[in-house]
Amino acid sequence: MEVSLGLDTFGDVSLAPDGRLKRQDEVLRDVVEQAALADRVGIDFIGLGEHHRPDFAISSPEIVLAAIAGHTSRIRLGTAVTVLSSDDPVRVFQRFSTLNALSGGRAEPILGRGSFTESYPLFGYDLSDYDLLFEEKLDLFARLLRGPKVTWSGKTRSGLKDQAVHPPLGPEGMVVWVGVGGSPESVVRVVRQDLQLMLAIIGGDARRFLPYVDLYQRACDQLGRAPRPIGVHSPGFVAETDAAAREALWPHYADMFGRIGRERGWPPVTKDRYLAEVEEGALYVGSPETVARKIADTVKTLGIQRFDLKYATGPMPHEQLMECIRLYGEKVIPMVREMLGQS
């Protein structure tokens, strides 16, 4: 199976040429332009992360994806992630089944709990129900994928009895992933619901996720499920040279992780730690050849079928993001496929 190579973004609020922070409406239009370029240069997937914060512009990814659908012809359209816990699974299904119809079958959501919690109080959910909300809502969403009518009951929303939901999916159905950050219980849940596993590797060596891949395979055997493709999402940035990529990303990486770190009580980010993550961890930063080699190594080591590069980190200007996308599509992807013997 040929590896699928995609991109992810949260719509980070970026710097304008005059040095000011752009407005979120400007950033959203930039994201559509970035996705259109990704389509032109042969990238397989674009994923938009849902957030409800001032530093990320995308709170309604399906609407942005619908705009992207009108500017593209082949790239698959998804999320990274949709925060299912604080949404209604029926409405999420309807939005994606609509996007799937309008885009000719290109919708490919990634569902998750989200790494930020702003959506829970915003939409009236209690964080004490964090686990129950996701467990029940994922169960309902999975049932919606499998039949024209659904019967379901639980504690987090009203039940359904022989309920049709419109618009239904076409005969090809829809590919759905679940984002997992490293919980064994989450891996088994993905298998139980017969969905696809997307591992979010945002720190450390990708090899430390091998036990989760092994657990996935064992769970498929024990539950009688056919193994499905496994994917990885990791941050990175591509420039013409290793030095240029590292120096371009560093101030924006420091800005974002410094801001989030202050909120969460993390130690200050240092450049040495950043460079160590580039050299040995989950930052895919460098020239096209460097990034391609690191992606190919991850694909071979974990035996995965999909890799998504989160190309936007912090307030990096739109023009630099566009160049990263161009290099990823025109140079990195062909190199990865050649290294994997898939060219």
C-alpha atoms as a PDB file:
ATOM      1  CA  MET A   1       0.000   0.000   0.000  1.00  0.00           C
ATOM      2  CA  GLU A   2       1.433   3.385  -1.013  1.00  0.00           C
ATOM      3  CA  VAL A   3       1.962   5.702   1.948  1.00  0.00           C
ATOM      4  CA  SER A   4      -0.364   8.715   2.106  1.00  0.00           C
ATOM      5  CA  LEU A   5       1.347  12.030   2.911  1.00  0.00           C
ATOM      6  CA  GLY A   6      -0.649  14.946   4.242  1.00  0.00           C
ATOM      7  CA  LEU A   7      -0.507  18.257   6.067  1.00  0.00           C
ATOM      8  CA  ASP A   8      -2.213  19.594   9.195  1.00  0.00           C
ATOM      9  CA  THR A   9      -2.767  23.114  10.533  1.00  0.00           C
ATOM     10  CA  PHE A  10      -4.644  24.735  13.395  1.00  0.00           C
ATOM     11  CA  GLY A  11      -4.769  28.052  11.535  1.00  0.00           C
ATOM     12  CA  ASP A  12      -2.206  29.649  13.854  1.00  0.00           C
ATOM     13  CA  VAL A  13      -2.624  33.426  13.899  1.00  0.00           C
ATOM     14  CA  SER A  14       0.367  34.606  11.880  1.00  0.00           C
ATOM     15  CA  LEU A  15       2.472  37.682  11.329  1.00  0.00           C
ATOM     16  CA  ALA A  16       1.649  40.057   8.495  1.00  0.00           C
ATOM     17  CA  PRO A  17       4.462  41.567   6.371  1.00  0.00           C
ATOM     18  CA  ASP A  18       4.313  44.731   8.499  1.00  0.00           C
ATOM     19  CA  GLY A  19       4.947  42.724  11.688  1.00  0.00           C
ATOM     20  CA  ARG A  20       1.440  42.912  13.155  1.00  0.00           C
ATOM     21  CA  LEU A  21      -0.558  39.815  14.053  1.00  0.00           C
ATOM     22  CA  LYS A  22      -3.153  39.133  11.390  1.00  0.00           C
ATOM     23  CA  ARG A  23      -6.855  39.108  12.171  1.00  0.00           C
ATOM     24  CA  GLN A  24      -8.450  35.672  12.303  1.00  0.00           C
ATOM     25  CA  ASP A  25     -10.522  36.343   9.177  1.00  0.00           C
ATOM     26  CA  GLU A  26      -7.302  37.019   7.250  1.00  0.00           C
ATOM     27  CA  VAL A  27      -5.770  33.801   8.577  1.00  0.00           C
ATOM     28  CA  LEU A  28      -8.794  31.762   7.485  1.00  0.00           C
ATOM     29  CA  ARG A  29      -8.451  33.049   3.927  1.00  0.00           C
ATOM     30  CA  ASP A  30      -4.741  32.217   4.058  1.00  0.00           C
ATOM     31  CA  VAL A  31      -5.576  28.636   5.097  1.00  0.00           C
ATOM     32  CA  VAL A  32      -7.789  28.229   2.030  1.00  0.00           C
ATOM     33  CA  GLU A  33      -4.926  29.497  -0.162  1.00  0.00           C
ATOM     34  CA  GLN A  34      -2.484  27.115   1.551  1.00  0.00           C
ATOM     35  CA  ALA A  35      -4.800  24.141   0.966  1.00  0.00           C
ATOM     36  CA  ALA A  36      -5.261  25.094  -2.694  1.00  0.00           C
ATOM     37  CA  LEU A  37      -1.473  25.084  -3.135  1.00  0.00           C
ATOM     38  CA  ALA A  38      -1.253  21.713  -1.364  1.00  0.00           C
ATOM     39  CA  ASP A  39      -3.737  20.321  -3.867  1.00  0.00           C
ATOM     40  CA  ARG A  40      -1.747  21.654  -6.827  1.00  0.00           C
ATOM     41  CA  VAL A  41       1.585  20.193  -5.662  1.00  0.00           C
ATOM     42  CA  GLY A  42       0.224  16.688  -5.081  1.00  0.00           C
ATOM     43  CA  ILE A  43      -0.257  16.503  -1.293  1.00  0.00           C
ATOM     44  CA  ASP A  44      -2.762  13.808  -0.334  1.00  0.00           C
ATOM     45  CA  PHE A  45      -4.589  15.330   2.649  1.00  0.00           C
ATOM     46  CA  ILE A  46      -5.195  18.593   4.503  1.00  0.00           C
ATOM     47  CA  GLY A  47      -6.356  18.453   8.127  1.00  0.00           C
ATOM     48  CA  LEU A  48      -7.692  21.469  10.048  1.00  0.00           C
ATOM     49  CA  GLY A  49      -7.622  21.388  13.846  1.00  0.00           C
ATOM     50  CA  GLU A  50     -10.612  22.687  15.815  1.00  0.00           C
ATOM     51  CA  HIS A  51      -9.755  25.185  18.584  1.00  0.00           C
ATOM     52  CA  HIS A  52     -11.536  27.928  20.496  1.00  0.00           C
ATOM     53  CA  ARG A  53      -8.639  30.206  21.426  1.00  0.00           C
ATOM     54  CA  PRO A  54      -7.324  33.592  20.256  1.00  0.00           C
ATOM     55  CA  ASP A  55      -4.095  32.107  18.864  1.00  0.00           C
ATOM     56  CA  PHE A  56      -5.815  29.668  16.454  1.00  0.00           C
ATOM     57  CA  ALA A  57      -8.327  30.844  13.854  1.00  0.00           C
ATOM     58  CA  ILE A  58     -10.159  27.591  13.051  1.00  0.00           C
ATOM     59  CA  SER A  59     -13.169  26.883  15.259  1.00  0.00           C
ATOM     60  CA  SER A  60     -15.442  25.466  12.524  1.00  0.00           C
ATOM     61  CA  PRO A  61     -13.162  23.314  10.359  1.00  0.00           C
ATOM     62  CA  GLU A  62     -15.973  21.818   8.261  1.00  0.00           C
ATOM     63  CA  ILE A  63     -16.943  25.264   6.963  1.00  0.00           C
ATOM     64  CA  VAL A  64     -13.344  26.061   6.022  1.00  0.00           C
ATOM     65  CA  LEU A  65     -13.057  22.628   4.401  1.00  0.00           C
ATOM     66  CA  ALA A  66     -16.169  23.310   2.337  1.00  0.00           C
ATOM     67  CA  ALA A  67     -14.530  26.498   1.042  1.00  0.00           C
ATOM     68  CA  ILE A  68     -11.369  24.516   0.297  1.00  0.00           C
ATOM     69  CA  ALA A  69     -13.421  21.896  -1.563  1.00  0.00           C
ATOM     70  CA  GLY A  70     -14.478  24.593  -4.010  1.00  0.00           C
ATOM     71  CA  HIS A  71     -10.841  25.509  -4.734  1.00  0.00           C
ATOM     72  CA  THR A  72      -9.433  21.976  -5.048  1.00  0.00           C
ATOM     73  CA  SER A  73     -10.044  18.794  -7.021  1.00  0.00           C
ATOM     74  CA  ARG A  74      -8.161  15.868  -5.464  1.00  0.00           C
ATOM     75  CA  ILE A  75      -6.812  16.532  -1.951  1.00  0.00           C
ATOM     76  CA  ARG A  76      -8.659  14.757   0.856  1.00  0.00           C
ATOM     77  CA  LEU A  77     -10.337  17.048   3.383  1.00  0.00           C
ATOM     78  CA  GLY A  78     -10.270  16.371   7.105  1.00  0.00           C
ATOM     79  CA  THR A  79      -9.627  17.580  10.606  1.00  0.00           C
ATOM     80  CA  ALA A  80      -6.810  17.381  13.121  1.00  0.00           C
ATOM     81  CA  VAL A  81      -8.922  16.943  15.234  1.00  0.00           C
ATOM     82  CA  THR A  82     -12.671  17.452  15.534  1.00  0.00           C
ATOM     83  CA  VAL A  83     -13.364  17.733  19.286  1.00  0.00           C
ATOM     84  CA  LEU A  84     -16.181  15.197  19.350  1.00  0.00           C
ATOM     85  CA  SER A  85     -16.528  15.234  23.153  1.00  0.00           C
ATOM     86  CA  SER A  86     -17.968  18.771  23.191  1.00  0.00           C
ATOM     87  CA  ASP A  87     -20.107  18.459  20.056  1.00  0.00           C
ATOM     88  CA  ASP A  88     -23.153  16.466  19.067  1.00  0.00           C
ATOM     89  CA  PRO A  89     -22.210  13.326  17.094  1.00  0.00           C
ATOM     90  CA  VAL A  90     -25.313  13.560  14.907  1.00  0.00           C
ATOM     91  CA  ARG A  91     -24.501  17.108  13.850  1.00  0.00           C
ATOM     92  CA  VAL A  92     -20.827  16.231  13.314  1.00  0.00           C
ATOM     93  CA  PHE A  93     -21.903  13.316  11.123  1.00  0.00           C
ATOM     94  CA  GLN A  94     -24.281  15.521   9.150  1.00  0.00           C
ATOM     95  CA  ARG A  95     -21.628  18.173   8.546  1.00  0.00           C
ATOM     96  CA  PHE A  96     -19.137  15.611   7.305  1.00  0.00           C
ATOM     97  CA  SER A  97     -21.631  13.633   5.228  1.00  0.00           C
ATOM     98  CA  THR A  98     -22.556  16.961   3.584  1.00  0.00           C
ATOM     99  CA  LEU A  99     -18.881  17.811   2.984  1.00  0.00           C
ATOM    100  CA  ASN A 100     -18.336  14.311   1.624  1.00  0.00           C
ATOM    101  CA  ALA A 101     -21.182  14.754  -0.862  1.00  0.00           C
ATOM    102  CA  LEU A 102     -20.086  18.217  -1.997  1.00  0.00           C
ATOM    103  CA  SER A 103     -16.424  17.211  -2.412  1.00  0.00           C
ATOM    104  CA  GLY A 104     -17.061  13.978  -4.311  1.00  0.00           C
ATOM    105  CA  GLY A 105     -16.156  11.659  -1.443  1.00  0.00           C
ATOM    106  CA  ARG A 106     -13.065  13.491  -0.160  1.00  0.00           C
ATOM    107  CA  ALA A 107     -14.121  14.017   3.486  1.00  0.00           C
ATOM    108  CA  GLU A 108     -11.927  12.239   6.038  1.00  0.00           C
ATOM    109  CA  PRO A 109     -12.482  13.433   9.632  1.00  0.00           C
ATOM    110  CA  ILE A 110     -10.132  12.718  12.517  1.00  0.00           C
ATOM    111  CA  LEU A 111     -12.078  12.615  15.784  1.00  0.00           C
ATOM    112  CA  GLY A 112     -10.605  13.229  19.213  1.00  0.00           C
ATOM    113  CA  ARG A 113     -10.877  14.826  22.619  1.00  0.00           C
ATOM    114  CA  GLY A 114      -8.555  17.695  21.766  1.00  0.00           C
ATOM    115  CA  SER A 115      -5.406  18.779  23.600  1.00  0.00           C
ATOM    116  CA  PHE A 116      -7.103  21.992  24.807  1.00  0.00           C
ATOM    117  CA  THR A 117     -10.231  22.158  26.957  1.00  0.00           C
ATOM    118  CA  GLU A 118     -11.772  25.548  26.053  1.00  0.00           C
ATOM    119  CA  SER A 119     -14.631  23.919  24.141  1.00  0.00           C
ATOM    120  CA  TYR A 120     -15.998  22.119  27.206  1.00  0.00           C
ATOM    121  CA  PRO A 121     -17.157  25.162  29.219  1.00  0.00           C
ATOM    122  CA  LEU A 122     -17.937  27.033  25.983  1.00  0.00           C
ATOM    123  CA  PHE A 123     -20.554  24.474  25.004  1.00  0.00           C
ATOM    124  CA  GLY A 124     -21.742  23.640  28.509  1.00  0.00           C
ATOM    125  CA  TYR A 125     -19.893  20.382  29.255  1.00  0.00           C
ATOM    126  CA  ASP A 126     -18.315  19.366  32.548  1.00  0.00           C
ATOM    127  CA  LEU A 127     -14.666  18.300  32.406  1.00  0.00           C
ATOM    128  CA  SER A 128     -15.421  15.711  35.086  1.00  0.00           C
ATOM    129  CA  ASP A 129     -17.260  13.833  32.310  1.00  0.00           C
ATOM    130  CA  TYR A 130     -14.191  13.950  30.030  1.00  0.00           C
ATOM    131  CA  ASP A 131     -13.867  10.180  29.520  1.00  0.00           C
ATOM    132  CA  LEU A 132     -17.579   9.363  29.425  1.00  0.00           C
ATOM    133  CA  LEU A 133     -18.326  12.079  26.864  1.00  0.00           C
ATOM    134  CA  PHE A 134     -15.815  10.750  24.360  1.00  0.00           C
ATOM    135  CA  GLU A 135     -16.634   7.084  24.943  1.00  0.00           C
ATOM    136  CA  GLU A 136     -20.358   7.557  24.336  1.00  0.00           C
ATOM    137  CA  LYS A 137     -20.109  10.074  21.524  1.00  0.00           C
ATOM    138  CA  LEU A 138     -17.594   8.010  19.588  1.00  0.00           C
ATOM    139  CA  ASP A 139     -19.873   4.986  19.971  1.00  0.00           C
ATOM    140  CA  LEU A 140     -22.818   6.917  18.537  1.00  0.00           C
ATOM    141  CA  PHE A 141     -20.743   8.345  15.670  1.00  0.00           C
ATOM    142  CA  ALA A 142     -19.462   4.875  14.750  1.00  0.00           C
ATOM    143  CA  ARG A 143     -23.045   3.574  14.628  1.00  0.00           C
ATOM    144  CA  LEU A 144     -24.057   6.436  12.349  1.00  0.00           C
ATOM    145  CA  LEU A 145     -21.360   5.313   9.898  1.00  0.00           C
ATOM    146  CA  ARG A 146     -22.748   1.783   9.680  1.00  0.00           C
ATOM    147  CA  GLY A 147     -26.393   2.100   8.795  1.00  0.00           C
ATOM    148  CA  PRO A 148     -29.195   4.285   7.481  1.00  0.00           C
ATOM    149  CA  LYS A 149     -31.042   4.119  10.831  1.00  0.00           C
ATOM    150  CA  VAL A 150     -29.631   4.229  14.350  1.00  0.00           C
ATOM    151  CA  THR A 151     -30.802   3.065  17.763  1.00  0.00           C
ATOM    152  CA  TRP A 152     -28.648   4.276  20.660  1.00  0.00           C
ATOM    153  CA  SER A 153     -28.927   5.238  24.324  1.00  0.00           C
ATOM    154  CA  GLY A 154     -26.502   6.735  26.829  1.00  0.00           C
ATOM    155  CA  LYS A 155     -26.005   9.278  29.609  1.00  0.00           C
ATOM    156  CA  THR A 156     -24.613  12.255  27.684  1.00  0.00           C
ATOM    157  CA  ARG A 157     -27.448  12.986  25.242  1.00  0.00           C
ATOM    158  CA  SER A 158     -30.981  11.884  24.446  1.00  0.00           C
ATOM    159  CA  GLY A 159     -31.363   8.427  22.945  1.00  0.00           C
ATOM    160  CA  LEU A 160     -32.321   7.517  19.390  1.00  0.00           C
ATOM    161  CA  LYS A 161     -34.680   4.780  18.218  1.00  0.00           C
ATOM    162  CA  ASP A 162     -34.613   3.641  14.596  1.00  0.00           C
ATOM    163  CA  GLN A 163     -33.634   7.199  13.631  1.00  0.00           C
ATOM    164  CA  ALA A 164     -32.625   8.126  10.074  1.00  0.00           C
ATOM    165  CA  VAL A 165     -29.975  10.864   9.772  1.00  0.00           C
ATOM    166  CA  HIS A 166     -29.633  12.989   6.641  1.00  0.00           C
ATOM    167  CA  PRO A 167     -27.829  13.243   4.330  1.00  0.00           C
ATOM    168  CA  PRO A 168     -26.725   9.606   4.402  1.00  0.00           C
ATOM    169  CA  LEU A 169     -23.319   8.589   3.166  1.00  0.00           C
ATOM    170  CA  GLY A 170     -22.985   7.307  -0.377  1.00  0.00           C
ATOM    171  CA  PRO A 171     -22.181   3.693  -1.204  1.00  0.00           C
ATOM    172  CA  GLU A 172     -18.433   4.252  -0.637  1.00  0.00           C
ATOM    173  CA  GLY A 173     -18.986   5.381   2.950  1.00  0.00           C
ATOM    174  CA  MET A 174     -16.421   7.654   4.617  1.00  0.00           C
ATOM    175  CA  VAL A 175     -12.953   7.093   6.088  1.00  0.00           C
ATOM    176  CA  VAL A 176     -12.850   8.110   9.772  1.00  0.00           C
ATOM    177  CA  TRP A 177      -9.793   8.268  12.026  1.00  0.00           C
ATOM    178  CA  VAL A 178      -9.457   8.671  15.789  1.00  0.00           C
ATOM    179  CA  GLY A 179      -6.597  10.775  17.132  1.00  0.00           C
ATOM    180  CA  VAL A 180      -4.736   9.102  20.019  1.00  0.00           C
ATOM    181  CA  GLY A 181      -2.023  10.720  22.120  1.00  0.00           C
ATOM    182  CA  GLY A 182      -0.604   7.659  23.849  1.00  0.00           C
ATOM    183  CA  SER A 183      -3.270   5.939  25.946  1.00  0.00           C
ATOM    184  CA  PRO A 184      -3.504   2.130  25.605  1.00  0.00           C
ATOM    185  CA  GLU A 185      -7.233   2.302  26.373  1.00  0.00           C
ATOM    186  CA  SER A 186      -7.688   4.730  23.470  1.00  0.00           C
ATOM    187  CA  VAL A 187      -5.942   2.353  21.066  1.00  0.00           C
ATOM    188  CA  VAL A 188      -8.226  -0.517  22.038  1.00  0.00           C
ATOM    189  CA  ARG A 189     -11.272   1.769  21.738  1.00  0.00           C
ATOM    190  CA  VAL A 190     -10.345   2.540  18.110  1.00  0.00           C
ATOM    191  CA  VAL A 191     -10.211  -1.168  17.315  1.00  0.00           C
ATOM    192  CA  ARG A 192     -13.466  -1.857  19.123  1.00  0.00           C
ATOM    193  CA  GLN A 193     -15.231   0.797  17.035  1.00  0.00           C
ATOM    194  CA  ASP A 194     -13.527  -0.460  13.837  1.00  0.00           C
ATOM    195  CA  LEU A 195     -12.107   2.965  12.940  1.00  0.00           C
ATOM    196  CA  GLN A 196      -8.591   4.061  11.895  1.00  0.00           C
ATOM    197  CA  LEU A 197      -5.812   4.957  14.336  1.00  0.00           C
ATOM    198  CA  MET A 198      -3.987   8.303  14.084  1.00  0.00           C
ATOM    199  CA  LEU A 199      -1.091   8.623  16.550  1.00  0.00           C
ATOM    200  CA  ALA A 200      -0.295  12.193  17.601  1.00  0.00           C
ATOM    201  CA  ILE A 201       3.485  12.169  18.153  1.00  0.00           C
ATOM    202  CA  ILE A 202       4.429  15.667  19.246  1.00  0.00           C
ATOM    203  CA  GLY A 203       7.489  14.921  21.372  1.00  0.00           C
ATOM    204  CA  GLY A 204      10.221  12.316  21.671  1.00  0.00           C
ATOM    205  CA  ASP A 205      11.400   9.556  19.367  1.00  0.00           C
ATOM    206  CA  ALA A 206       8.651   8.001  17.265  1.00  0.00           C
ATOM    207  CA  ARG A 207       9.969   4.554  18.254  1.00  0.00           C
ATOM    208  CA  ARG A 208       8.408   4.923  21.682  1.00  0.00           C
ATOM    209  CA  PHE A 209       5.026   4.478  19.974  1.00  0.00           C
ATOM    210  CA  LEU A 210       5.906   0.976  18.738  1.00  0.00           C
ATOM    211  CA  PRO A 211       4.116  -0.621  21.737  1.00  0.00           C
ATOM    212  CA  TYR A 212       0.905   1.118  20.680  1.00  0.00           C
ATOM    213  CA  VAL A 213       1.216  -0.223  17.144  1.00  0.00           C
ATOM    214  CA  ASP A 214       1.802  -3.697  18.588  1.00  0.00           C
ATOM    215  CA  LEU A 215      -1.188  -3.266  20.923  1.00  0.00           C
ATOM    216  CA  TYR A 216      -3.335  -2.242  17.952  1.00  0.00           C
ATOM    217  CA  GLN A 217      -2.385  -5.414  16.065  1.00  0.00           C
ATOM    218  CA  ARG A 218      -3.050  -7.622  19.118  1.00  0.00           C
ATOM    219  CA  ALA A 219      -6.404  -5.960  19.746  1.00  0.00           C
ATOM    220  CA  CYS A 220      -7.410  -6.532  16.105  1.00  0.00           C
ATOM    221  CA  ASP A 221      -6.585 -10.228  16.504  1.00  0.00           C
ATOM    222  CA  GLN A 222      -8.447 -10.582  19.790  1.00  0.00           C
ATOM    223  CA  LEU A 223     -11.534  -8.653  18.687  1.00  0.00           C
ATOM    224  CA  GLY A 224     -11.672 -10.190  15.227  1.00  0.00           C
ATOM    225  CA  ARG A 225     -11.138  -6.911  13.371  1.00  0.00           C
ATOM    226  CA  ALA A 226      -9.272  -6.584  10.093  1.00  0.00           C
ATOM    227  CA  PRO A 227      -6.313  -4.205  10.623  1.00  0.00           C
ATOM    228  CA  ARG A 228      -6.822  -0.792   9.070  1.00  0.00           C
ATOM    229  CA  PRO A 229      -4.219   1.802   8.038  1.00  0.00           C
ATOM    230  CA  ILE A 230      -2.387   3.543  10.891  1.00  0.00           C
ATOM    231  CA  GLY A 231      -1.284   7.172  10.658  1.00  0.00           C
ATOM    232  CA  VAL A 232       1.052   9.571  12.478  1.00  0.00           C
ATOM    233  CA  HIS A 233       0.699  13.324  12.989  1.00  0.00           C
ATOM    234  CA  SER A 234       3.848  15.289  13.917  1.00  0.00           C
ATOM    235  CA  PRO A 235       5.005  18.914  13.671  1.00  0.00           C
ATOM    236  CA  GLY A 236       7.695  20.165  11.335  1.00  0.00           C
ATOM    237  CA  PHE A 237       8.844  22.666   8.748  1.00  0.00           C
ATOM    238  CA  VAL A 238      10.667  22.451   5.409  1.00  0.00           C
ATOM    239  CA  ALA A 239      13.062  25.003   3.918  1.00  0.00           C
ATOM    240  CA  GLU A 240      15.826  24.826   1.320  1.00  0.00           C
ATOM    241  CA  THR A 241      18.505  23.936   3.894  1.00  0.00           C
ATOM    242  CA  ASP A 242      18.604  22.447   7.388  1.00  0.00           C
ATOM    243  CA  ALA A 243      19.965  25.667   8.861  1.00  0.00           C
ATOM    244  CA  ALA A 244      17.340  27.827   7.174  1.00  0.00           C
ATOM    245  CA  ALA A 245      14.503  25.594   8.378  1.00  0.00           C
ATOM    246  CA  ARG A 246      15.747  25.485  11.980  1.00  0.00           C
ATOM    247  CA  GLU A 247      16.312  29.233  12.209  1.00  0.00           C
ATOM    248  CA  ALA A 248      12.999  30.094  10.512  1.00  0.00           C
ATOM    249  CA  LEU A 249      10.893  27.937  12.817  1.00  0.00           C
ATOM    250  CA  TRP A 250      12.652  28.571  16.128  1.00  0.00           C
ATOM    251  CA  PRO A 251      11.227  32.027  17.113  1.00  0.00           C
ATOM    252  CA  HIS A 252       7.654  30.946  16.273  1.00  0.00           C
ATOM    253  CA  TYR A 253       8.058  27.599  18.029  1.00  0.00           C
ATOM    254  CA  ALA A 254       9.388  29.438  21.085  1.00  0.00           C
ATOM    255  CA  ASP A 255       6.497  31.904  20.949  1.00  0.00           C
ATOM    256  CA  MET A 256       3.798  29.214  20.820  1.00  0.00           C
ATOM    257  CA  PHE A 257       5.272  26.762  23.312  1.00  0.00           C
ATOM    258  CA  GLY A 258       6.274  29.580  25.636  1.00  0.00           C
ATOM    259  CA  ARG A 259       2.709  30.889  25.656  1.00  0.00           C
ATOM    260  CA  ILE A 260       1.129  27.456  26.161  1.00  0.00           C
ATOM    261  CA  GLY A 261       3.814  26.518  28.670  1.00  0.00           C
ATOM    262  CA  ARG A 262       3.016  29.532  30.848  1.00  0.00           C
ATOM    263  CA  GLU A 263      -0.640  28.470  30.865  1.00  0.00           C
ATOM    264  CA  ARG A 264       0.208  24.902  31.858  1.00  0.00           C
ATOM    265  CA  GLY A 265       3.150  25.437  34.157  1.00  0.00           C
ATOM    266  CA  TRP A 266       5.783  23.940  31.846  1.00  0.00           C
ATOM    267  CA  PRO A 267       9.458  24.944  32.160  1.00  0.00           C
ATOM    268  CA  PRO A 268      10.610  27.625  29.699  1.00  0.00           C
ATOM    269  CA  VAL A 269      11.402  26.349  26.213  1.00  0.00           C
ATOM    270  CA  THR A 270      15.080  26.603  25.266  1.00  0.00           C
ATOM    271  CA  LYS A 271      16.760  26.512  21.888  1.00  0.00           C
ATOM    272  CA  ASP A 272      18.917  23.561  22.954  1.00  0.00           C
ATOM    273  CA  ARG A 273      15.804  21.578  23.795  1.00  0.00           C
ATOM    274  CA  TYR A 274      14.247  22.612  20.480  1.00  0.00           C
ATOM    275  CA  LEU A 275      17.326  21.490  18.533  1.00  0.00           C
ATOM    276  CA  ALA A 276      17.393  18.180  20.420  1.00  0.00           C
ATOM    277  CA  GLU A 277      13.786  17.590  19.382  1.00  0.00           C
ATOM    278  CA  VAL A 278      14.780  18.311  15.767  1.00  0.00           C
ATOM    279  CA  GLU A 279      17.755  15.942  15.952  1.00  0.00           C
ATOM    280  CA  GLU A 280      16.230  13.053  17.882  1.00  0.00           C
ATOM    281  CA  GLY A 281      12.560  13.746  18.530  1.00  0.00           C
ATOM    282  CA  ALA A 282       9.277  14.504  16.823  1.00  0.00           C
ATOM    283  CA  LEU A 283      10.162  17.735  15.000  1.00  0.00           C
ATOM    284  CA  TYR A 284      10.503  17.052  11.259  1.00  0.00           C
ATOM    285  CA  VAL A 285      12.488  20.178  10.478  1.00  0.00           C
ATOM    286  CA  GLY A 286      15.075  20.648   7.762  1.00  0.00           C
ATOM    287  CA  SER A 287      15.797  20.507   4.067  1.00  0.00           C
ATOM    288  CA  PRO A 288      13.560  18.381   1.836  1.00  0.00           C
ATOM    289  CA  GLU A 289      16.015  15.470   1.991  1.00  0.00           C
ATOM    290  CA  THR A 290      16.387  15.643   5.777  1.00  0.00           C
ATOM    291  CA  VAL A 291      12.621  15.733   6.341  1.00  0.00           C
ATOM    292  CA  ALA A 292      12.025  13.007   3.763  1.00  0.00           C
ATOM    293  CA  ARG A 293      14.557  10.691   5.416  1.00  0.00           C
ATOM    294  CA  LYS A 294      13.010  11.228   8.835  1.00  0.00           C
ATOM    295  CA  ILE A 295       9.473  10.585   7.528  1.00  0.00           C
ATOM    296  CA  ALA A 296      10.580   7.466   5.645  1.00  0.00           C
ATOM    297  CA  ASP A 297      12.319   6.177   8.780  1.00  0.00           C
ATOM    298  CA  THR A 298       9.136   6.710  10.831  1.00  0.00           C
ATOM    299  CA  VAL A 299       7.001   4.973   8.205  1.00  0.00           C
ATOM    300  CA  LYS A 300       9.327   1.956   8.132  1.00  0.00           C
ATOM    301  CA  THR A 301       9.887   1.800  11.895  1.00  0.00           C
ATOM    302  CA  LEU A 302       6.218   1.926  12.866  1.00  0.00           C
ATOM    303  CA  GLY A 303       4.827   0.212   9.762  1.00  0.00           C
ATOM    304  CA  ILE A 304       2.348   3.035   9.160  1.00  0.00           C
ATOM    305  CA  GLN A 305       0.421   3.920   6.006  1.00  0.00           C
ATOM    306  CA  ARG A 306      -0.081   7.658   6.556  1.00  0.00           C
ATOM    307  CA  PHE A 307       2.051  10.591   7.730  1.00  0.00           C
ATOM    308  CA  ASP A 308       0.691  14.107   8.302  1.00  0.00           C
ATOM    309  CA  LEU A 309       3.096  17.012   8.880  1.00  0.00           C
ATOM    310  CA  LYS A 310       1.717  19.825  11.058  1.00  0.00           C
ATOM    311  CA  TYR A 311       3.320  22.592   9.049  1.00  0.00           C
ATOM    312  CA  ALA A 312       2.099  25.645  10.992  1.00  0.00           C
ATOM    313  CA  THR A 313       3.571  26.299  14.456  1.00  0.00           C
ATOM    314  CA  GLY A 314       3.181  29.693  16.059  1.00  0.00           C
ATOM    315  CA  PRO A 315       2.911  33.014  14.198  1.00  0.00           C
ATOM    316  CA  MET A 316       5.045  32.050  11.194  1.00  0.00           C
ATOM    317  CA  PRO A 317       4.166  34.284   8.190  1.00  0.00           C
ATOM    318  CA  HIS A 318       1.910  32.968   5.430  1.00  0.00           C
ATOM    319  CA  GLU A 319       4.630  33.343   2.798  1.00  0.00           C
ATOM    320  CA  GLN A 320       6.971  30.996   4.674  1.00  0.00           C
ATOM    321  CA  LEU A 321       4.170  28.465   5.154  1.00  0.00           C
ATOM    322  CA  MET A 322       3.437  28.545   1.428  1.00  0.00           C
ATOM    323  CA  GLU A 323       7.100  27.817   0.634  1.00  0.00           C
ATOM    324  CA  CYS A 324       7.076  24.933   3.128  1.00  0.00           C
ATOM    325  CA  ILE A 325       3.986  23.471   1.437  1.00  0.00           C
ATOM    326  CA  ARG A 326       5.561  23.806  -2.006  1.00  0.00           C
ATOM    327  CA  LEU A 327       8.739  22.029  -0.929  1.00  0.00           C
ATOM    328  CA  TYR A 328       6.799  19.298   0.867  1.00  0.00           C
ATOM    329  CA  GLY A 329       4.721  18.537  -2.216  1.00  0.00           C
ATOM    330  CA  GLU A 330       7.329  18.992  -4.923  1.00  0.00           C
ATOM    331  CA  LYS A 331      10.396  17.541  -3.178  1.00  0.00           C
ATOM    332  CA  VAL A 332       9.694  15.772   0.127  1.00  0.00           C
ATOM    333  CA  ILE A 333       6.851  13.523  -1.049  1.00  0.00           C
ATOM    334  CA  PRO A 334       8.672  12.203  -4.154  1.00  0.00           C
ATOM    335  CA  MET A 335      11.791  11.560  -2.042  1.00  0.00           C
ATOM    336  CA  VAL A 336       9.826   9.669   0.627  1.00  0.00           C
ATOM    337  CA  ARG A 337       8.205   7.465  -1.980  1.00  0.00           C
ATOM    338  CA  GLU A 338      11.564   6.777  -3.624  1.00  0.00           C
ATOM    339  CA  MET A 339      13.108   5.899  -0.265  1.00  0.00           C
ATOM    340  CA  LEU A 340      10.233   3.501   0.415  1.00  0.00           C
ATOM    341  CA  GLY A 341      10.494   1.957  -3.057  1.00  0.00           C
ATOM    342  CA  GLN A 342       7.089   3.357  -4.049  1.00  0.00           C
ATOM    343  CA  SER A 343       8.103   5.780  -6.785  1.00  0.00           C
END
